[in-house]
């Protein structure tokens, strides 16, 4: 019986010593961590307190510097106010002295009283000069600069007077040249008008006074139906024949007009006010009128007319010669105009 109890005791395991060791180890670790935390807190608090002290010292230094700066500013302002007051007083004294000296020079007023005042003001001025030497030096510098500026102004005025004299001579020459130019231009215009009249007379003879080809003012007008199919810029055979006659007249005229007359024949294209659909070759009447004028110019060039004597322009529907929307008015507005003019 006793033997069996001993065997049961040998079989049982005693856990208590191991538990005590583990608990002791845990307590030591906690104690170590607490110690580390306390030391860290102590070091951190010292670091923070040290930085606070440095920051406080810096703030105190900044405050002292701010006070010194304010004192400097106040002192500078006082000096500036004093200097301004001295300058004002000095200017007033100079003005009074100048006025009294002028009175003495002109013999006006009581000379004795003026002399006394001048002497007294001179003494005051000397005292003020002794008090504000710096201000006087600045005034002297300003006087020198003013004198230099006056000399420069005098030189500029002399140069301006000389320039005005040259300008008057130039204006007289320009006016004379303008009169001569106007006379020459009037002569050129008269010559060009004479050649224009001859040119229109020849065209009238060549084109046999057709009803759809007429002279309106200073322009020779072709109805578009004479030259182009509806909506097209291609010259039809009849229109090409008319342009052949026009080219012949132009070539004859070019040989007669003197080379110093810079003439051109302007070809203007015009349409009626019926808008294009945009589905065809041209989007609107602007393009159609310009294309027709260019076709006439290119055809005349192909017949030997110098290209530098031709100008093409498109006016669309915006320069009508007949008002209204009747078929007759629209037919008159569809036209090619020729104008002999100067470039």
C-alpha atoms as a PDB file:
ATOM      1  CA  UNK A   1       0.000   0.000   0.000  1.00  0.00           C
ATOM      2  CA  UNK A   2       2.783   2.351   0.952  1.00  0.00           C
ATOM      3  CA  UNK A   3       4.685   1.310  -2.123  1.00  0.00           C
ATOM      4  CA  UNK A   4       1.796   2.246  -4.382  1.00  0.00           C
ATOM      5  CA  UNK A   5       1.555   5.752  -2.856  1.00  0.00           C
ATOM      6  CA  UNK A   6       5.237   6.326  -3.426  1.00  0.00           C
ATOM      7  CA  UNK A   7       4.874   5.345  -7.056  1.00  0.00           C
ATOM      8  CA  UNK A   8       2.008   7.801  -7.512  1.00  0.00           C
ATOM      9  CA  UNK A   9       4.161  10.579  -6.035  1.00  0.00           C
ATOM     10  CA  UNK A  10       7.012   9.751  -8.378  1.00  0.00           C
ATOM     11  CA  UNK A  11       4.655   9.898 -11.311  1.00  0.00           C
ATOM     12  CA  UNK A  12       3.301  13.468 -10.446  1.00  0.00           C
ATOM     13  CA  UNK A  13       5.127  16.645 -11.784  1.00  0.00           C
ATOM     14  CA  UNK A  14       5.719  19.675  -9.533  1.00  0.00           C
ATOM     15  CA  UNK A  15       5.017  22.912 -11.625  1.00  0.00           C
ATOM     16  CA  UNK A  16       5.310  25.484  -8.878  1.00  0.00           C
ATOM     17  CA  UNK A  17       9.044  26.216  -8.996  1.00  0.00           C
ATOM     18  CA  UNK A  18       8.885  26.876 -12.749  1.00  0.00           C
ATOM     19  CA  UNK A  19       5.905  29.202 -12.291  1.00  0.00           C
ATOM     20  CA  UNK A  20       7.749  31.146  -9.614  1.00  0.00           C
ATOM     21  CA  UNK A  21      10.815  31.512 -11.860  1.00  0.00           C
ATOM     22  CA  UNK A  22       8.730  32.799 -14.777  1.00  0.00           C
ATOM     23  CA  UNK A  23       6.919  35.263 -12.550  1.00  0.00           C
ATOM     24  CA  UNK A  24      10.221  36.526 -11.171  1.00  0.00           C
ATOM     25  CA  UNK A  25      11.627  36.973 -14.670  1.00  0.00           C
ATOM     26  CA  UNK A  26       8.496  38.909 -15.756  1.00  0.00           C
ATOM     27  CA  UNK A  27       8.727  41.198 -12.738  1.00  0.00           C
ATOM     28  CA  UNK A  28      12.405  41.883 -13.450  1.00  0.00           C
ATOM     29  CA  UNK A  29      11.599  42.741 -17.077  1.00  0.00           C
ATOM     30  CA  UNK A  30       8.818  45.089 -16.008  1.00  0.00           C
ATOM     31  CA  UNK A  31      11.120  46.706 -13.461  1.00  0.00           C
ATOM     32  CA  UNK A  32      13.763  47.167 -16.195  1.00  0.00           C
ATOM     33  CA  UNK A  33      11.273  48.726 -18.597  1.00  0.00           C
ATOM     34  CA  UNK A  34       9.985  51.083 -15.903  1.00  0.00           C
ATOM     35  CA  UNK A  35      13.550  52.079 -15.106  1.00  0.00           C
ATOM     36  CA  UNK A  36      14.298  52.774 -18.786  1.00  0.00           C
ATOM     37  CA  UNK A  37      11.068  54.795 -19.122  1.00  0.00           C
ATOM     38  CA  UNK A  38      11.863  56.873 -16.012  1.00  0.00           C
ATOM     39  CA  UNK A  39      15.409  57.568 -17.258  1.00  0.00           C
ATOM     40  CA  UNK A  40      14.099  58.524 -20.717  1.00  0.00           C
ATOM     41  CA  UNK A  41      11.489  60.831 -19.187  1.00  0.00           C
ATOM     42  CA  UNK A  42      14.186  62.478 -17.102  1.00  0.00           C
ATOM     43  CA  UNK A  43      16.491  63.003 -20.089  1.00  0.00           C
ATOM     44  CA  UNK A  44      13.622  64.271 -22.272  1.00  0.00           C
ATOM     45  CA  UNK A  45      12.433  66.691 -19.611  1.00  0.00           C
ATOM     46  CA  UNK A  46      15.973  68.081 -19.264  1.00  0.00           C
ATOM     47  CA  UNK A  47      16.251  68.440 -23.049  1.00  0.00           C
ATOM     48  CA  UNK A  48      12.900  70.228 -23.273  1.00  0.00           C
ATOM     49  CA  UNK A  49      13.716  72.499 -20.373  1.00  0.00           C
ATOM     50  CA  UNK A  50      17.085  73.327 -22.005  1.00  0.00           C
ATOM     51  CA  UNK A  51      15.389  74.213 -25.286  1.00  0.00           C
ATOM     52  CA  UNK A  52      12.810  76.332 -23.476  1.00  0.00           C
ATOM     53  CA  UNK A  53      15.608  78.263 -21.834  1.00  0.00           C
ATOM     54  CA  UNK A  54      17.335  78.814 -25.180  1.00  0.00           C
ATOM     55  CA  UNK A  55      14.028  79.882 -26.728  1.00  0.00           C
ATOM     56  CA  UNK A  56      13.377  82.297 -23.885  1.00  0.00           C
ATOM     57  CA  UNK A  57      16.841  83.782 -24.305  1.00  0.00           C
ATOM     58  CA  UNK A  58      16.261  84.198 -28.037  1.00  0.00           C
ATOM     59  CA  UNK A  59      12.875  85.815 -27.421  1.00  0.00           C
ATOM     60  CA  UNK A  60      14.423  88.227 -24.946  1.00  0.00           C
ATOM     61  CA  UNK A  61      17.178  89.078 -27.434  1.00  0.00           C
ATOM     62  CA  UNK A  62      14.594  89.651 -30.165  1.00  0.00           C
ATOM     63  CA  UNK A  63      12.627  91.919 -27.853  1.00  0.00           C
ATOM     64  CA  UNK A  64      15.778  93.906 -27.043  1.00  0.00           C
ATOM     65  CA  UNK A  65      16.638  94.210 -30.737  1.00  0.00           C
ATOM     66  CA  UNK A  66      13.064  95.326 -31.505  1.00  0.00           C
ATOM     67  CA  UNK A  67      13.303  98.019 -28.854  1.00  0.00           C
ATOM     68  CA  UNK A  68      16.681  99.169 -30.187  1.00  0.00           C
ATOM     69  CA  UNK A  69      15.247  99.284 -33.729  1.00  0.00           C
ATOM     70  CA  UNK A  70      12.274 101.334 -32.533  1.00  0.00           C
ATOM     71  CA  UNK A  71      14.637 103.740 -30.786  1.00  0.00           C
ATOM     72  CA  UNK A  72      16.743 104.034 -33.921  1.00  0.00           C
ATOM     73  CA  UNK A  73      13.649 104.713 -36.019  1.00  0.00           C
ATOM     74  CA  UNK A  74      12.454 107.375 -33.606  1.00  0.00           C
ATOM     75  CA  UNK A  75      15.880 108.981 -33.602  1.00  0.00           C
ATOM     76  CA  UNK A  76      16.013 108.922 -37.406  1.00  0.00           C
ATOM     77  CA  UNK A  77      12.544 110.453 -37.631  1.00  0.00           C
ATOM     78  CA  UNK A  78      13.532 113.200 -35.207  1.00  0.00           C
ATOM     79  CA  UNK A  79      16.633 113.958 -37.275  1.00  0.00           C
ATOM     80  CA  UNK A  80      14.579 114.027 -40.479  1.00  0.00           C
ATOM     81  CA  UNK A  81      12.005 116.358 -38.876  1.00  0.00           C
ATOM     82  CA  UNK A  82      14.776 118.639 -37.632  1.00  0.00           C
ATOM     83  CA  UNK A  83      16.420 118.685 -41.052  1.00  0.00           C
ATOM     84  CA  UNK A  84      13.093 119.446 -42.766  1.00  0.00           C
ATOM     85  CA  UNK A  85      12.441 122.289 -40.318  1.00  0.00           C
ATOM     86  CA  UNK A  86      15.897 123.706 -40.887  1.00  0.00           C
ATOM     87  CA  UNK A  87      15.503 123.470 -44.648  1.00  0.00           C
ATOM     88  CA  UNK A  88      12.122 125.229 -44.478  1.00  0.00           C
ATOM     89  CA  UNK A  89      13.531 127.991 -42.299  1.00  0.00           C
ATOM     90  CA  UNK A  90      16.569 128.331 -44.529  1.00  0.00           C
ATOM     91  CA  UNK A  91      14.405 128.542 -47.646  1.00  0.00           C
ATOM     92  CA  UNK A  92      12.225 131.210 -46.039  1.00  0.00           C
ATOM     93  CA  UNK A  93      15.296 133.193 -45.036  1.00  0.00           C
ATOM     94  CA  UNK A  94      16.755 132.919 -48.529  1.00  0.00           C
ATOM     95  CA  UNK A  95      13.461 134.094 -50.043  1.00  0.00           C
ATOM     96  CA  UNK A  96      13.215 137.061 -47.695  1.00  0.00           C
ATOM     97  CA  UNK A  97      16.817 138.009 -48.294  1.00  0.00           C
ATOM     98  CA  UNK A  98      16.352 137.798 -52.055  1.00  0.00           C
ATOM     99  CA  UNK A  99      13.210 139.936 -51.900  1.00  0.00           C
ATOM    100  CA  UNK A 100      14.886 142.589 -49.795  1.00  0.00           C
ATOM    101  CA  UNK A 101      17.965 142.591 -52.018  1.00  0.00           C
ATOM    102  CA  UNK A 102      15.728 143.139 -55.038  1.00  0.00           C
ATOM    103  CA  UNK A 103      14.071 146.038 -53.268  1.00  0.00           C
ATOM    104  CA  UNK A 104      17.486 147.529 -52.557  1.00  0.00           C
ATOM    105  CA  UNK A 105      18.630 147.095 -56.152  1.00  0.00           C
ATOM    106  CA  UNK A 106      15.523 148.720 -57.606  1.00  0.00           C
ATOM    107  CA  UNK A 107      15.556 151.599 -55.122  1.00  0.00           C
ATOM    108  CA  UNK A 108      12.102 150.692 -53.803  1.00  0.00           C
ATOM    109  CA  UNK A 109      11.308 150.879 -50.063  1.00  0.00           C
ATOM    110  CA  UNK A 110      13.324 152.262 -47.208  1.00  0.00           C
ATOM    111  CA  UNK A 111      16.912 151.243 -47.833  1.00  0.00           C
ATOM    112  CA  UNK A 112      18.094 151.678 -44.226  1.00  0.00           C
ATOM    113  CA  UNK A 113      15.391 149.465 -42.791  1.00  0.00           C
ATOM    114  CA  UNK A 114      15.966 146.961 -45.533  1.00  0.00           C
ATOM    115  CA  UNK A 115      19.711 146.953 -44.830  1.00  0.00           C
ATOM    116  CA  UNK A 116      19.051 146.361 -41.151  1.00  0.00           C
ATOM    117  CA  UNK A 117      16.693 143.539 -41.981  1.00  0.00           C
ATOM    118  CA  UNK A 118      19.186 142.112 -44.410  1.00  0.00           C
ATOM    119  CA  UNK A 119      21.928 142.234 -41.788  1.00  0.00           C
ATOM    120  CA  UNK A 120      19.713 140.638 -39.184  1.00  0.00           C
ATOM    121  CA  UNK A 121      18.559 137.959 -41.587  1.00  0.00           C
ATOM    122  CA  UNK A 122      22.155 137.399 -42.669  1.00  0.00           C
ATOM    123  CA  UNK A 123      23.182 136.816 -39.052  1.00  0.00           C
ATOM    124  CA  UNK A 124      20.249 134.455 -38.577  1.00  0.00           C
ATOM    125  CA  UNK A 125      21.191 132.693 -41.751  1.00  0.00           C
ATOM    126  CA  UNK A 126      24.802 132.278 -40.613  1.00  0.00           C
ATOM    127  CA  UNK A 127      23.656 130.851 -37.314  1.00  0.00           C
ATOM    128  CA  UNK A 128      21.331 128.419 -39.092  1.00  0.00           C
ATOM    129  CA  UNK A 129      24.144 127.443 -41.446  1.00  0.00           C
ATOM    130  CA  UNK A 130      26.389 126.698 -38.469  1.00  0.00           C
ATOM    131  CA  UNK A 131      23.650 124.592 -36.877  1.00  0.00           C
ATOM    132  CA  UNK A 132      22.839 122.634 -40.066  1.00  0.00           C
ATOM    133  CA  UNK A 133      26.069 122.220 -41.992  1.00  0.00           C
ATOM    134  CA  UNK A 134      24.889 118.947 -43.382  1.00  0.00           C
ATOM    135  CA  UNK A 135      21.675 120.504 -44.635  1.00  0.00           C
ATOM    136  CA  UNK A 136      23.614 123.330 -46.256  1.00  0.00           C
ATOM    137  CA  UNK A 137      25.956 120.930 -47.982  1.00  0.00           C
ATOM    138  CA  UNK A 138      22.961 119.150 -49.425  1.00  0.00           C
ATOM    139  CA  UNK A 139      21.458 122.456 -50.534  1.00  0.00           C
ATOM    140  CA  UNK A 140      24.764 123.416 -52.136  1.00  0.00           C
ATOM    141  CA  UNK A 141      24.796 120.143 -53.986  1.00  0.00           C
ATOM    142  CA  UNK A 142      21.245 120.756 -55.136  1.00  0.00           C
ATOM    143  CA  UNK A 143      22.186 124.251 -56.293  1.00  0.00           C
ATOM    144  CA  UNK A 144      25.035 122.837 -58.323  1.00  0.00           C
ATOM    145  CA  UNK A 145      22.699 120.302 -59.870  1.00  0.00           C
ATOM    146  CA  UNK A 146      20.156 123.038 -60.634  1.00  0.00           C
ATOM    147  CA  UNK A 147      22.856 125.143 -62.256  1.00  0.00           C
ATOM    148  CA  UNK A 148      23.934 122.195 -64.354  1.00  0.00           C
ATOM    149  CA  UNK A 149      20.320 121.573 -65.330  1.00  0.00           C
ATOM    150  CA  UNK A 150      19.851 125.231 -66.250  1.00  0.00           C
ATOM    151  CA  UNK A 151      22.934 125.047 -68.426  1.00  0.00           C
ATOM    152  CA  UNK A 152      21.584 121.933 -70.077  1.00  0.00           C
ATOM    153  CA  UNK A 153      18.186 123.589 -70.561  1.00  0.00           C
ATOM    154  CA  UNK A 154      19.864 126.607 -72.128  1.00  0.00           C
ATOM    155  CA  UNK A 155      21.794 124.361 -74.485  1.00  0.00           C
ATOM    156  CA  UNK A 156      18.591 122.475 -75.349  1.00  0.00           C
ATOM    157  CA  UNK A 157      16.750 125.761 -75.970  1.00  0.00           C
ATOM    158  CA  UNK A 158      19.509 126.910 -78.312  1.00  0.00           C
ATOM    159  CA  UNK A 159      19.378 123.596 -80.146  1.00  0.00           C
ATOM    160  CA  UNK A 160      15.577 123.844 -80.265  1.00  0.00           C
ATOM    161  CA  UNK A 161      15.704 127.340 -81.716  1.00  0.00           C
ATOM    162  CA  UNK A 162      18.164 126.187 -84.344  1.00  0.00           C
ATOM    163  CA  UNK A 163      15.953 123.180 -85.066  1.00  0.00           C
ATOM    164  CA  UNK A 164      12.870 125.418 -85.323  1.00  0.00           C
ATOM    165  CA  UNK A 165      14.693 127.640 -87.788  1.00  0.00           C
ATOM    166  CA  UNK A 166      15.668 124.603 -89.859  1.00  0.00           C
ATOM    167  CA  UNK A 167      12.109 123.292 -89.529  1.00  0.00           C
ATOM    168  CA  UNK A 168      10.671 126.553 -90.830  1.00  0.00           C
ATOM    169  CA  UNK A 169      12.977 126.365 -93.831  1.00  0.00           C
ATOM    170  CA  UNK A 170      12.016 122.728 -94.322  1.00  0.00           C
ATOM    171  CA  UNK A 171       8.321 123.565 -94.022  1.00  0.00           C
ATOM    172  CA  UNK A 172       8.696 126.246 -96.653  1.00  0.00           C
ATOM    173  CA  UNK A 173      10.491 123.794 -98.935  1.00  0.00           C
ATOM    174  CA  UNK A 174       7.865 121.131 -98.246  1.00  0.00           C
ATOM    175  CA  UNK A 175       5.056 123.573 -99.008  1.00  0.00           C
ATOM    176  CA  UNK A 176       6.757 124.497-102.271  1.00  0.00           C
ATOM    177  CA  UNK A 177       7.277 120.833-103.118  1.00  0.00           C
ATOM    178  CA  UNK A 178       3.655 120.127-102.181  1.00  0.00           C
ATOM    179  CA  UNK A 179       2.447 122.821-104.567  1.00  0.00           C
ATOM    180  CA  UNK A 180       4.669 121.447-107.296  1.00  0.00           C
ATOM    181  CA  UNK A 181       3.491 117.927-106.558  1.00  0.00           C
ATOM    182  CA  UNK A 182      -0.146 118.996-106.663  1.00  0.00           C
ATOM    183  CA  UNK A 183       0.436 120.694-109.995  1.00  0.00           C
ATOM    184  CA  UNK A 184       2.200 117.601-111.323  1.00  0.00           C
ATOM    185  CA  UNK A 185      -0.538 115.328-110.002  1.00  0.00           C
ATOM    186  CA  UNK A 186      -3.199 117.539-111.551  1.00  0.00           C
ATOM    187  CA  UNK A 187      -1.358 117.345-114.852  1.00  0.00           C
ATOM    188  CA  UNK A 188      -1.061 113.562-114.525  1.00  0.00           C
ATOM    189  CA  UNK A 189      -4.754 113.275-113.700  1.00  0.00           C
ATOM    190  CA  UNK A 190      -5.633 115.427-116.683  1.00  0.00           C
ATOM    191  CA  UNK A 191      -3.406 113.296-118.917  1.00  0.00           C
ATOM    192  CA  UNK A 192      -4.904 110.101-117.509  1.00  0.00           C
ATOM    193  CA  UNK A 193      -8.409 111.490-117.985  1.00  0.00           C
ATOM    194  CA  UNK A 194      -7.530 112.280-121.577  1.00  0.00           C
ATOM    195  CA  UNK A 195      -6.238 108.754-122.155  1.00  0.00           C
ATOM    196  CA  UNK A 196      -9.279 107.365-120.368  1.00  0.00           C
ATOM    197  CA  UNK A 197     -11.557 109.312-122.679  1.00  0.00           C
ATOM    198  CA  UNK A 198      -9.602 108.061-125.706  1.00  0.00           C
ATOM    199  CA  UNK A 199      -9.723 104.508-124.326  1.00  0.00           C
ATOM    200  CA  UNK A 200     -13.489 104.620-123.748  1.00  0.00           C
ATOM    201  CA  UNK A 201     -13.990 106.180-127.157  1.00  0.00           C
ATOM    202  CA  UNK A 202     -12.054 103.352-128.806  1.00  0.00           C
ATOM    203  CA  UNK A 203     -13.969 100.754-126.805  1.00  0.00           C
ATOM    204  CA  UNK A 204     -17.222 102.370-127.824  1.00  0.00           C
ATOM    205  CA  UNK A 205     -16.186 102.176-131.470  1.00  0.00           C
ATOM    206  CA  UNK A 206     -14.873  98.625-131.169  1.00  0.00           C
ATOM    207  CA  UNK A 207     -17.847  97.259-129.240  1.00  0.00           C
ATOM    208  CA  UNK A 208     -20.425  99.019-131.459  1.00  0.00           C
ATOM    209  CA  UNK A 209     -22.436 100.621-128.633  1.00  0.00           C
ATOM    210  CA  UNK A 210     -24.194  97.412-127.536  1.00  0.00           C
ATOM    211  CA  UNK A 211     -26.969  97.892-124.982  1.00  0.00           C
ATOM    212  CA  UNK A 212     -25.446  95.430-122.520  1.00  0.00           C
ATOM    213  CA  UNK A 213     -22.066  97.216-122.702  1.00  0.00           C
ATOM    214  CA  UNK A 214     -22.184 100.834-121.544  1.00  0.00           C
ATOM    215  CA  UNK A 215     -20.246 103.641-119.849  1.00  0.00           C
ATOM    216  CA  UNK A 216     -21.335 104.625-116.319  1.00  0.00           C
ATOM    217  CA  UNK A 217     -19.361 107.596-114.984  1.00  0.00           C
ATOM    218  CA  UNK A 218     -15.664 106.747-115.241  1.00  0.00           C
ATOM    219  CA  UNK A 219     -16.289 103.019-115.732  1.00  0.00           C
ATOM    220  CA  UNK A 220     -16.934 100.768-118.689  1.00  0.00           C
ATOM    221  CA  UNK A 221     -19.613  98.223-117.707  1.00  0.00           C
ATOM    222  CA  UNK A 222     -20.175  94.728-119.183  1.00  0.00           C
ATOM    223  CA  UNK A 223     -23.273  92.839-118.139  1.00  0.00           C
ATOM    224  CA  UNK A 224     -22.252  89.407-116.788  1.00  0.00           C
ATOM    225  CA  UNK A 225     -24.538  87.620-119.270  1.00  0.00           C
ATOM    226  CA  UNK A 226     -22.347  88.911-122.093  1.00  0.00           C
ATOM    227  CA  UNK A 227     -19.234  87.230-120.670  1.00  0.00           C
ATOM    228  CA  UNK A 228     -20.233  84.320-118.401  1.00  0.00           C
ATOM    229  CA  UNK A 229     -22.864  81.603-118.096  1.00  0.00           C
ATOM    230  CA  UNK A 230     -25.060  81.799-115.016  1.00  0.00           C
ATOM    231  CA  UNK A 231     -23.172  80.897-111.822  1.00  0.00           C
ATOM    232  CA  UNK A 232     -19.861  80.344-113.668  1.00  0.00           C
ATOM    233  CA  UNK A 233     -16.571  82.180-114.077  1.00  0.00           C
ATOM    234  CA  UNK A 234     -15.633  80.588-117.429  1.00  0.00           C
ATOM    235  CA  UNK A 235     -15.749  83.048-120.322  1.00  0.00           C
ATOM    236  CA  UNK A 236     -18.185  82.020-123.029  1.00  0.00           C
ATOM    237  CA  UNK A 237     -17.184  82.341-126.704  1.00  0.00           C
ATOM    238  CA  UNK A 238     -19.001  85.662-127.079  1.00  0.00           C
ATOM    239  CA  UNK A 239     -17.341  86.997-123.941  1.00  0.00           C
ATOM    240  CA  UNK A 240     -13.919  85.862-125.164  1.00  0.00           C
ATOM    241  CA  UNK A 241     -14.512  87.771-128.385  1.00  0.00           C
ATOM    242  CA  UNK A 242     -15.356  90.929-126.461  1.00  0.00           C
ATOM    243  CA  UNK A 243     -12.233  90.490-124.304  1.00  0.00           C
ATOM    244  CA  UNK A 244     -10.130  90.138-127.483  1.00  0.00           C
ATOM    245  CA  UNK A 245     -11.352  93.540-128.586  1.00  0.00           C
ATOM    246  CA  UNK A 246     -10.653  94.950-125.108  1.00  0.00           C
ATOM    247  CA  UNK A 247      -7.119  93.498-125.128  1.00  0.00           C
ATOM    248  CA  UNK A 248      -6.422  95.087-128.531  1.00  0.00           C
ATOM    249  CA  UNK A 249      -7.562  98.496-127.267  1.00  0.00           C
ATOM    250  CA  UNK A 250      -5.463  98.125-124.108  1.00  0.00           C
ATOM    251  CA  UNK A 251      -2.320  97.217-126.030  1.00  0.00           C
ATOM    252  CA  UNK A 252      -2.781 100.221-128.320  1.00  0.00           C
ATOM    253  CA  UNK A 253      -3.327 102.469-125.294  1.00  0.00           C
ATOM    254  CA  UNK A 254      -0.278 101.069-123.460  1.00  0.00           C
ATOM    255  CA  UNK A 255       1.964 102.111-126.334  1.00  0.00           C
ATOM    256  CA  UNK A 256       0.624 105.690-126.210  1.00  0.00           C
ATOM    257  CA  UNK A 257       0.571 106.394-122.467  1.00  0.00           C
ATOM    258  CA  UNK A 258       3.942 107.774-121.275  1.00  0.00           C
ATOM    259  CA  UNK A 259       5.854 105.404-118.965  1.00  0.00           C
ATOM    260  CA  UNK A 260       5.904 107.938-116.115  1.00  0.00           C
ATOM    261  CA  UNK A 261       2.106 107.604-115.758  1.00  0.00           C
ATOM    262  CA  UNK A 262       1.616 104.617-113.456  1.00  0.00           C
ATOM    263  CA  UNK A 263      -1.770 103.444-114.760  1.00  0.00           C
ATOM    264  CA  UNK A 264      -3.731 100.244-114.162  1.00  0.00           C
ATOM    265  CA  UNK A 265      -6.977  98.812-115.460  1.00  0.00           C
ATOM    266  CA  UNK A 266      -9.086  97.683-112.510  1.00  0.00           C
ATOM    267  CA  UNK A 267     -11.519  94.843-113.213  1.00  0.00           C
ATOM    268  CA  UNK A 268     -14.371  94.750-110.671  1.00  0.00           C
ATOM    269  CA  UNK A 269     -16.731  91.789-110.391  1.00  0.00           C
ATOM    270  CA  UNK A 270     -20.309  92.326-109.117  1.00  0.00           C
ATOM    271  CA  UNK A 271     -23.291  89.991-108.587  1.00  0.00           C
ATOM    272  CA  UNK A 272     -26.956  90.398-107.760  1.00  0.00           C
ATOM    273  CA  UNK A 273     -28.402  89.821-104.271  1.00  0.00           C
ATOM    274  CA  UNK A 274     -29.657  86.284-104.913  1.00  0.00           C
ATOM    275  CA  UNK A 275     -27.690  84.100-102.434  1.00  0.00           C
ATOM    276  CA  UNK A 276     -25.917  81.000-103.690  1.00  0.00           C
ATOM    277  CA  UNK A 277     -26.900  77.648-102.227  1.00  0.00           C
ATOM    278  CA  UNK A 278     -23.288  76.759-101.418  1.00  0.00           C
ATOM    279  CA  UNK A 279     -23.671  73.349-103.013  1.00  0.00           C
ATOM    280  CA  UNK A 280     -21.916  74.421-106.211  1.00  0.00           C
ATOM    281  CA  UNK A 281     -18.381  75.503-106.911  1.00  0.00           C
ATOM    282  CA  UNK A 282     -18.701  78.808-105.026  1.00  0.00           C
ATOM    283  CA  UNK A 283     -19.899  79.240-101.459  1.00  0.00           C
ATOM    284  CA  UNK A 284     -21.265  82.764-101.891  1.00  0.00           C
ATOM    285  CA  UNK A 285     -21.428  85.798-104.193  1.00  0.00           C
ATOM    286  CA  UNK A 286     -18.095  87.113-102.883  1.00  0.00           C
ATOM    287  CA  UNK A 287     -16.237  84.155-104.327  1.00  0.00           C
ATOM    288  CA  UNK A 288     -18.184  84.245-107.603  1.00  0.00           C
ATOM    289  CA  UNK A 289     -17.549  87.968-108.208  1.00  0.00           C
ATOM    290  CA  UNK A 290     -13.840  87.643-107.410  1.00  0.00           C
ATOM    291  CA  UNK A 291     -13.482  84.555-109.612  1.00  0.00           C
ATOM    292  CA  UNK A 292     -15.098  86.338-112.584  1.00  0.00           C
ATOM    293  CA  UNK A 293     -12.816  89.389-112.196  1.00  0.00           C
ATOM    294  CA  UNK A 294      -9.759  87.121-112.013  1.00  0.00           C
ATOM    295  CA  UNK A 295     -10.891  85.212-115.135  1.00  0.00           C
ATOM    296  CA  UNK A 296     -11.072  88.460-117.105  1.00  0.00           C
ATOM    297  CA  UNK A 297      -7.627  89.540-115.868  1.00  0.00           C
ATOM    298  CA  UNK A 298      -6.042  86.193-116.711  1.00  0.00           C
ATOM    299  CA  UNK A 299      -7.596  86.194-120.188  1.00  0.00           C
ATOM    300  CA  UNK A 300      -6.267  89.693-120.886  1.00  0.00           C
ATOM    301  CA  UNK A 301      -2.811  88.612-119.711  1.00  0.00           C
ATOM    302  CA  UNK A 302      -2.968  85.643-122.081  1.00  0.00           C
ATOM    303  CA  UNK A 303      -3.582  88.130-124.892  1.00  0.00           C
ATOM    304  CA  UNK A 304      -0.413  90.083-124.105  1.00  0.00           C
ATOM    305  CA  UNK A 305      -1.650  92.761-121.702  1.00  0.00           C
ATOM    306  CA  UNK A 306       1.083  93.371-119.049  1.00  0.00           C
ATOM    307  CA  UNK A 307       0.086  91.770-115.742  1.00  0.00           C
ATOM    308  CA  UNK A 308       1.369  94.763-113.759  1.00  0.00           C
ATOM    309  CA  UNK A 309      -1.269  96.918-115.471  1.00  0.00           C
ATOM    310  CA  UNK A 310      -4.231  94.811-114.284  1.00  0.00           C
ATOM    311  CA  UNK A 311      -6.037  94.567-110.950  1.00  0.00           C
ATOM    312  CA  UNK A 312      -8.884  92.177-110.053  1.00  0.00           C
ATOM    313  CA  UNK A 313     -11.425  92.901-107.296  1.00  0.00           C
ATOM    314  CA  UNK A 314     -14.628  91.170-106.170  1.00  0.00           C
ATOM    315  CA  UNK A 315     -17.484  93.160-104.582  1.00  0.00           C
ATOM    316  CA  UNK A 316     -20.184  90.501-104.386  1.00  0.00           C
ATOM    317  CA  UNK A 317     -23.675  91.952-104.090  1.00  0.00           C
ATOM    318  CA  UNK A 318     -22.728  94.955-101.976  1.00  0.00           C
ATOM    319  CA  UNK A 319     -22.193  97.658-104.664  1.00  0.00           C
ATOM    320  CA  UNK A 320     -25.472  97.667-106.621  1.00  0.00           C
ATOM    321  CA  UNK A 321     -26.179 100.283-109.264  1.00  0.00           C
ATOM    322  CA  UNK A 322     -29.913  99.504-109.390  1.00  0.00           C
ATOM    323  CA  UNK A 323     -32.060  99.251-106.263  1.00  0.00           C
ATOM    324  CA  UNK A 324     -34.795  96.667-105.814  1.00  0.00           C
ATOM    325  CA  UNK A 325     -35.271  92.960-106.354  1.00  0.00           C
ATOM    326  CA  UNK A 326     -36.854  93.072-109.807  1.00  0.00           C
ATOM    327  CA  UNK A 327     -35.320  90.945-112.575  1.00  0.00           C
ATOM    328  CA  UNK A 328     -34.273  94.094-114.427  1.00  0.00           C
ATOM    329  CA  UNK A 329     -32.493  95.550-111.380  1.00  0.00           C
ATOM    330  CA  UNK A 330     -30.722  92.270-110.643  1.00  0.00           C
ATOM    331  CA  UNK A 331     -29.645  91.995-114.294  1.00  0.00           C
ATOM    332  CA  UNK A 332     -28.060  95.458-114.127  1.00  0.00           C
ATOM    333  CA  UNK A 333     -26.233  94.578-110.914  1.00  0.00           C
ATOM    334  CA  UNK A 334     -24.674  91.431-112.417  1.00  0.00           C
ATOM    335  CA  UNK A 335     -21.774  93.100-114.184  1.00  0.00           C
ATOM    336  CA  UNK A 336     -18.032  93.462-114.815  1.00  0.00           C
ATOM    337  CA  UNK A 337     -16.717  97.021-114.514  1.00  0.00           C
ATOM    338  CA  UNK A 338     -13.485  98.336-116.058  1.00  0.00           C
ATOM    339  CA  UNK A 339     -11.867 101.452-114.635  1.00  0.00           C
ATOM    340  CA  UNK A 340      -8.671 103.048-115.950  1.00  0.00           C
ATOM    341  CA  UNK A 341      -6.974 104.620-112.926  1.00  0.00           C
ATOM    342  CA  UNK A 342      -3.618 105.253-111.268  1.00  0.00           C
ATOM    343  CA  UNK A 343      -1.954 102.655-109.091  1.00  0.00           C
END
